[in-house]
Amino acid sequence: MPQTNPITSRATLITYCKRRLGDPVVELNLDDTQIQDRVDDALQYYQDYHYDGIERVYLKHQVTSTDITNKYISITDAIVGVINVFPSTDSSYGSVNMFDMRYQLHLNDLFDFTDVSMLHYSMVMQHLSLLDDYLVGKAPFDYARHTDKLHLYIDWANDVKVDEYIVVECYRILDPETYAQVYDDMWLKRYTTALIKRQWGQNLSKFEGITLPGGLTYNGQAILESANEEITTLEEQMEMSFG
């Protein structure tokens, strides 16, 4: 059965969290900017630690003269980690050289697949790849997320040329504005609600002990403690189940 009020945006997520906390029956002593900040905190935590908050992608980059001068590649801050880098000249991806061993193997052994053992071919290719790692190796690289720079420790003057492509295997944040289903993640909804609840408790705790008209008093400390317990439970669940 479809949801009555599907959560597909930041605004509907905020409305959902406020309803869980009692709005509009209960007055929430919160400023809109405080709520927005807590949503930002929840999304950042989700994207940093939840496996559904990122995706594994292969991005291609066309080398420019600026890259060669800088000796690094600028990368968007949506990239949280780089796994591997594949220059277009990497021999692991084939060769057009007729004297290359792979070319000869393809030419002499694979002209007729009905008469060739793929097991033998696979073993030979693994052996060649191992030799390649020993004798040539992979170009080392370094990526720091907060600098948005991918440093390749290669001979930039000779190993790459302008307009060649470099493929980067990496993890990228799922932008909830593009993939709206992120907002409807059950863990994210509960965590965002708990963060907003903690902010509410912190606000009310400033007025602890003050008697309101009619004899009512604020109990912000109880709300704050309840929210902290919920946050601790959710973060433990993240470590155990979703990290």
Protein backbone atom coordinates (compact mmCIF):
# COMPACT_ATOMS: atom_id res chain seq x y z
CA MET A 1 0.00 0.00 0.00
CA PRO A 2 1.54 3.36 -1.01
CA GLN A 3 2.36 5.96 1.64
CA THR A 4 -0.22 8.66 2.24
CA ASN A 5 2.46 11.32 2.55
CA PRO A 6 5.56 10.13 0.72
CA ILE A 7 8.80 11.81 1.79
CA THR A 8 10.49 13.00 -1.39
CA SER A 9 12.11 16.28 -0.38
CA ARG A 10 13.84 18.11 2.43
CA ALA A 11 10.61 19.98 3.26
CA THR A 12 8.50 16.82 3.58
CA LEU A 13 11.21 15.22 5.75
CA ILE A 14 11.09 18.19 8.12
CA THR A 15 7.29 18.07 8.23
CA TYR A 16 7.41 14.34 9.01
CA CYS A 17 9.94 14.83 11.84
CA LYS A 18 7.91 17.66 13.39
CA ARG A 19 4.77 15.51 13.32
CA ARG A 20 6.63 12.71 15.11
CA LEU A 21 7.54 15.17 17.83
CA GLY A 22 3.91 16.23 18.31
CA ASP A 23 3.46 19.17 15.95
CA PRO A 24 0.94 20.81 15.58
CA VAL A 25 -0.64 19.51 18.80
CA VAL A 26 2.51 20.28 20.79
CA GLU A 27 4.37 23.55 20.29
CA LEU A 28 7.97 22.92 19.28
CA ASN A 29 10.30 25.60 20.62
CA LEU A 30 12.59 25.58 17.62
CA ASP A 31 13.76 28.05 15.03
CA ASP A 32 13.62 27.06 11.36
CA THR A 33 17.38 27.57 10.98
CA GLN A 34 17.99 25.16 13.88
CA ILE A 35 15.88 22.52 12.17
CA GLN A 36 17.71 23.04 8.87
CA ASP A 37 21.05 22.65 10.66
CA ARG A 38 19.97 19.36 12.25
CA VAL A 39 18.82 18.03 8.86
CA ASP A 40 22.26 18.92 7.47
CA ASP A 41 23.91 17.08 10.37
CA ALA A 42 21.76 14.00 9.83
CA LEU A 43 22.47 13.89 6.08
CA GLN A 44 26.21 14.33 6.63
CA TYR A 45 26.32 11.48 9.16
CA TYR A 46 24.22 9.28 6.86
CA GLN A 47 26.48 9.94 3.86
CA ASP A 48 29.65 9.37 5.89
CA TYR A 49 28.68 6.07 7.46
CA HIS A 50 25.62 4.44 5.80
CA TYR A 51 26.30 2.14 2.84
CA ASP A 52 23.15 3.44 1.13
CA GLY A 53 24.44 7.02 1.33
CA ILE A 54 27.16 6.53 -1.29
CA GLU A 55 27.60 4.76 -4.62
CA ARG A 56 30.58 3.16 -6.33
CA VAL A 57 31.22 4.77 -9.70
CA TYR A 58 33.80 5.04 -12.48
CA LEU A 59 34.42 8.61 -13.56
CA LYS A 60 36.41 9.61 -16.61
CA HIS A 61 38.54 12.72 -16.68
CA GLN A 62 40.04 14.28 -19.77
CA VAL A 63 43.54 15.53 -19.02
CA THR A 64 44.16 19.25 -19.51
CA SER A 65 47.31 21.30 -19.67
CA THR A 66 46.36 22.74 -16.27
CA ASP A 67 46.37 19.22 -14.79
CA ILE A 68 49.86 18.60 -16.14
CA THR A 69 51.11 21.92 -14.76
CA ASN A 70 49.49 21.36 -11.35
CA LYS A 71 50.43 17.66 -11.24
CA TYR A 72 47.04 16.81 -9.78
CA ILE A 73 43.42 16.44 -10.88
CA SER A 74 40.65 18.52 -9.34
CA ILE A 75 37.72 16.40 -8.15
CA THR A 76 34.26 17.37 -6.96
CA ASP A 77 33.71 17.35 -3.20
CA ALA A 78 30.96 14.75 -3.70
CA ILE A 79 33.73 12.14 -3.96
CA VAL A 80 34.40 10.64 -0.52
CA GLY A 81 37.10 8.15 -1.45
CA VAL A 82 39.20 6.97 -4.39
CA ILE A 83 39.81 3.23 -4.84
CA ASN A 84 41.84 3.05 -8.02
CA VAL A 85 43.08 5.08 -10.98
CA PHE A 86 43.34 3.70 -14.51
CA PRO A 87 45.35 5.79 -16.98
CA SER A 88 44.42 5.32 -20.62
CA THR A 89 47.92 3.98 -21.26
CA ASP A 90 47.59 1.18 -18.67
CA SER A 91 48.71 -2.03 -20.35
CA SER A 92 46.19 -4.02 -18.35
CA TYR A 93 43.48 -2.75 -20.66
CA GLY A 94 44.83 -4.13 -23.88
CA SER A 95 47.31 -3.06 -26.49
CA VAL A 96 47.41 -2.13 -30.13
CA ASN A 97 51.06 -3.14 -30.40
CA MET A 98 51.35 -6.24 -32.64
CA PHE A 99 54.48 -7.35 -30.73
CA ASP A 100 52.70 -7.26 -27.37
CA MET A 101 52.23 -10.67 -25.71
CA ARG A 102 48.51 -10.14 -25.31
CA TYR A 103 48.12 -9.30 -28.98
CA GLN A 104 49.96 -12.47 -29.98
CA LEU A 105 47.91 -14.54 -27.57
CA HIS A 106 44.69 -13.21 -29.06
CA LEU A 107 45.96 -13.68 -32.60
CA ASN A 108 47.34 -17.21 -32.24
CA ASP A 109 45.05 -18.82 -29.68
CA LEU A 110 41.67 -17.12 -29.80
CA PHE A 111 40.89 -17.07 -33.49
CA ASP A 112 38.59 -20.07 -32.91
CA PHE A 113 36.85 -20.24 -29.53
CA THR A 114 35.64 -23.80 -30.23
CA ASP A 115 39.22 -25.05 -30.01
CA VAL A 116 40.52 -23.02 -27.05
CA SER A 117 40.32 -23.62 -23.29
CA MET A 118 39.14 -20.45 -21.59
CA LEU A 119 40.69 -21.75 -18.39
CA HIS A 120 44.12 -21.66 -20.02
CA TYR A 121 43.47 -18.18 -21.38
CA SER A 122 42.33 -16.94 -17.97
CA MET A 123 45.40 -18.38 -16.24
CA VAL A 124 47.75 -16.85 -18.81
CA MET A 125 46.11 -13.42 -18.46
CA GLN A 126 46.38 -13.60 -14.65
CA HIS A 127 50.05 -14.53 -15.00
CA LEU A 128 50.67 -11.59 -17.35
CA SER A 129 48.85 -9.27 -14.97
CA LEU A 130 51.03 -10.50 -12.10
CA LEU A 131 54.17 -9.86 -14.15
CA ASP A 132 52.85 -6.42 -14.98
CA ASP A 133 52.37 -5.66 -11.26
CA TYR A 134 55.88 -6.87 -10.42
CA LEU A 135 57.75 -5.23 -13.28
CA VAL A 136 55.66 -2.11 -13.93
CA GLY A 137 53.26 -1.68 -11.04
CA LYS A 138 50.39 0.73 -10.62
CA ALA A 139 50.85 4.47 -10.46
CA PRO A 140 50.58 5.51 -6.79
CA PHE A 141 48.03 8.18 -5.96
CA ASP A 142 46.83 10.20 -3.01
CA TYR A 143 43.42 11.75 -2.40
CA ALA A 144 42.36 13.95 0.52
CA ARG A 145 38.62 14.53 0.57
CA HIS A 146 38.70 18.07 1.92
CA THR A 147 41.24 19.34 -0.62
CA ASP A 148 39.33 18.01 -3.68
CA LYS A 149 42.66 17.08 -5.28
CA LEU A 150 43.73 13.70 -6.67
CA HIS A 151 47.53 13.55 -6.77
CA LEU A 152 49.06 11.04 -9.21
CA TYR A 153 52.72 10.26 -8.62
CA ILE A 154 53.70 9.84 -12.25
CA ASP A 155 55.89 11.56 -14.80
CA TRP A 156 53.33 14.13 -15.89
CA ALA A 157 55.53 15.35 -18.73
CA ASN A 158 55.74 11.94 -20.43
CA ASP A 159 53.19 9.50 -19.00
CA VAL A 160 50.06 11.45 -19.95
CA LYS A 161 49.14 13.88 -22.68
CA VAL A 162 46.51 16.57 -23.06
CA ASP A 163 43.06 15.19 -24.02
CA GLU A 164 43.88 11.65 -22.87
CA TYR A 165 41.41 10.10 -20.45
CA ILE A 166 42.00 8.86 -16.91
CA VAL A 167 39.36 6.68 -15.28
CA VAL A 168 38.88 7.00 -11.52
CA GLU A 169 37.16 4.28 -9.49
CA CYS A 170 35.66 5.99 -6.46
CA TYR A 171 32.80 6.38 -3.99
CA ARG A 172 30.41 9.29 -4.52
CA ILE A 173 27.78 10.76 -2.24
CA LEU A 174 24.19 10.18 -3.31
CA ASP A 175 22.71 13.65 -3.70
CA PRO A 176 19.21 13.52 -2.13
CA GLU A 177 18.07 16.32 -4.41
CA THR A 178 18.71 13.97 -7.33
CA TYR A 179 17.82 10.69 -5.63
CA ALA A 180 14.80 11.73 -3.56
CA GLN A 181 14.34 8.25 -2.07
CA VAL A 182 17.24 9.05 0.28
CA TYR A 183 14.88 11.28 2.27
CA ASP A 184 12.55 8.33 2.88
CA ASP A 185 15.20 6.06 4.41
CA MET A 186 13.82 4.77 7.72
CA TRP A 187 17.07 5.15 9.65
CA LEU A 188 17.58 8.70 8.34
CA LYS A 189 14.03 9.70 9.32
CA ARG A 190 14.49 8.40 12.87
CA TYR A 191 17.94 9.96 13.23
CA THR A 192 16.83 13.36 11.91
CA THR A 193 13.88 13.32 14.31
CA ALA A 194 16.18 12.48 17.24
CA LEU A 195 18.58 15.33 16.37
CA ILE A 196 15.71 17.82 16.15
CA LYS A 197 14.35 16.48 19.43
CA ARG A 198 17.73 16.99 21.10
CA GLN A 199 17.83 20.59 19.84
CA TRP A 200 14.33 21.10 21.25
CA GLY A 201 15.42 19.73 24.63
CA GLN A 202 18.51 21.95 24.65
CA ASN A 203 16.34 24.99 23.96
CA LEU A 204 13.88 24.14 26.72
CA SER A 205 16.60 23.33 29.25
CA LYS A 206 17.51 27.03 29.25
CA PHE A 207 14.16 27.67 30.96
CA GLU A 208 14.31 24.75 33.39
CA GLY A 209 12.43 25.53 36.62
CA ILE A 210 10.56 28.54 35.28
CA THR A 211 6.84 28.36 36.10
CA LEU A 212 4.51 29.34 33.28
CA PRO A 213 1.00 30.79 33.61
CA GLY A 214 -1.31 28.05 34.84
CA GLY A 215 1.43 26.38 36.90
CA LEU A 216 3.13 24.59 33.98
CA THR A 217 6.89 24.13 33.91
CA TYR A 218 9.32 23.22 31.15
CA ASN A 219 10.98 19.80 31.36
CA GLY A 220 13.65 20.24 28.73
CA GLN A 221 16.12 17.99 30.53
CA ALA A 222 13.84 14.96 30.16
CA ILE A 223 13.41 15.61 26.43
CA LEU A 224 17.17 16.08 26.07
CA GLU A 225 18.01 12.82 27.86
CA SER A 226 15.41 10.89 25.83
CA ALA A 227 16.82 12.29 22.58
CA ASN A 228 20.40 11.42 23.58
CA GLU A 229 19.37 7.83 24.27
CA GLU A 230 17.69 7.57 20.87
CA ILE A 231 20.73 9.04 19.10
CA THR A 232 23.10 6.64 20.88
CA THR A 233 20.93 3.67 19.91
CA LEU A 234 20.71 4.77 16.28
CA GLU A 235 24.46 5.40 15.99
CA GLU A 236 25.17 1.96 17.48
CA GLN A 237 22.77 0.47 14.92
CA MET A 238 24.68 2.29 12.19
CA GLU A 239 27.98 0.79 13.37
CA MET A 240 26.58 -2.73 13.68
CA SER A 241 24.28 -2.95 10.66
CA PHE A 242 24.82 -0.22 8.08
CA GLY A 243 28.50 0.75 8.19
